[in-house]
């Protein structure tokens, strides 16, 4: 999700380099600022999600799901 915001910001920067009309520049500046905020919020959300995953290690091992079955025991012998 972060890459589209960066791509949009670069697009708005390029438009601002080409356009002199204030009626066009003002909305583009607003949209560029909004993309910057989106980028920051997605980064914050990703950081929080990663911190939460690491704190309880949800995805590395789930004892109730990852129990070896009796068939797995037999096939390993």
Protein backbone atom coordinates (compact mmCIF):
# COMPACT_ATOMS: atom_id res chain seq x y z
CA UNK A 1 0.00 0.00 0.00
CA UNK A 2 2.87 2.35 0.52
CA UNK A 3 4.19 2.30 -3.07
CA UNK A 4 1.01 3.73 -4.68
CA UNK A 5 1.12 6.76 -2.38
CA UNK A 6 4.74 7.42 -3.29
CA UNK A 7 3.98 7.05 -6.99
CA UNK A 8 1.03 9.45 -6.72
CA UNK A 9 3.18 11.98 -4.87
CA UNK A 10 5.82 11.87 -7.61
CA UNK A 11 3.10 12.34 -10.22
CA UNK A 12 1.77 15.40 -8.38
CA UNK A 13 5.31 16.79 -8.10
CA UNK A 14 5.75 16.39 -11.85
CA UNK A 15 2.45 18.15 -12.55
CA UNK A 16 3.44 21.01 -10.26
CA UNK A 17 6.68 21.45 -12.22
CA UNK A 18 4.72 21.89 -15.46
CA UNK A 19 1.74 24.02 -14.37
CA UNK A 20 1.71 27.70 -13.46
CA UNK A 21 -2.06 28.23 -13.05
CA UNK A 22 -2.94 28.66 -9.34
CA UNK A 23 -6.41 27.16 -9.95
CA UNK A 24 -4.70 23.93 -10.96
CA UNK A 25 -1.74 24.07 -8.57
CA UNK A 26 -3.78 24.51 -5.38
CA UNK A 27 -5.80 21.27 -5.71
CA UNK A 28 -2.69 19.38 -6.80
CA UNK A 29 -0.82 20.65 -3.74
CA UNK A 30 -3.71 19.47 -1.56
CA UNK A 31 -3.68 16.03 -3.20
CA UNK A 32 0.10 15.76 -2.80
CA UNK A 33 -0.16 16.67 0.90
CA UNK A 34 -2.90 14.06 1.33
CA UNK A 35 -0.71 11.36 -0.24
CA UNK A 36 2.12 12.26 2.13
CA UNK A 37 -0.22 11.85 5.12
CA UNK A 38 -1.50 8.53 3.74
CA UNK A 39 2.08 7.31 3.33
CA UNK A 40 2.86 8.25 6.94
CA UNK A 41 -0.30 6.61 8.32
CA UNK A 42 0.24 3.38 6.39
CA UNK A 43 3.81 3.29 7.67
CA UNK A 44 2.58 3.80 11.24
CA UNK A 45 -0.05 1.07 10.85
CA UNK A 46 2.51 -1.34 9.43
CA UNK A 47 4.88 -0.65 12.31
CA UNK A 48 2.11 -1.25 14.88
CA UNK A 49 1.05 -4.48 13.17
CA UNK A 50 4.63 -5.76 13.09
CA UNK A 51 5.11 -4.90 16.76
CA UNK A 52 1.92 -6.75 17.70
CA UNK A 53 2.88 -9.83 15.67
CA UNK A 54 6.31 -10.00 17.26
CA UNK A 55 5.01 -9.54 20.80
CA UNK A 56 2.97 -12.75 20.80
CA UNK A 57 4.52 -14.56 17.84
CA UNK A 58 1.14 -15.45 16.33
CA UNK A 59 2.35 -16.68 12.98
CA UNK A 60 5.47 -18.66 13.80
CA UNK A 61 3.70 -21.51 15.58
CA UNK A 62 0.14 -22.22 16.60
CA UNK A 63 0.11 -25.20 19.02
CA UNK A 64 -3.56 -26.04 18.49
CA UNK A 65 -3.19 -26.06 14.71
CA UNK A 66 0.34 -27.37 14.25
CA UNK A 67 0.00 -30.59 16.27
CA UNK A 68 1.49 -33.52 14.42
CA UNK A 69 -1.17 -36.01 13.44
CA UNK A 70 -0.80 -39.75 13.92
CA UNK A 71 -0.32 -40.12 10.14
CA UNK A 72 2.58 -37.65 10.22
CA UNK A 73 4.24 -39.70 12.97
CA UNK A 74 3.96 -42.89 10.93
CA UNK A 75 5.22 -41.35 7.70
CA UNK A 76 8.35 -40.01 9.41
CA UNK A 77 9.49 -43.46 10.54
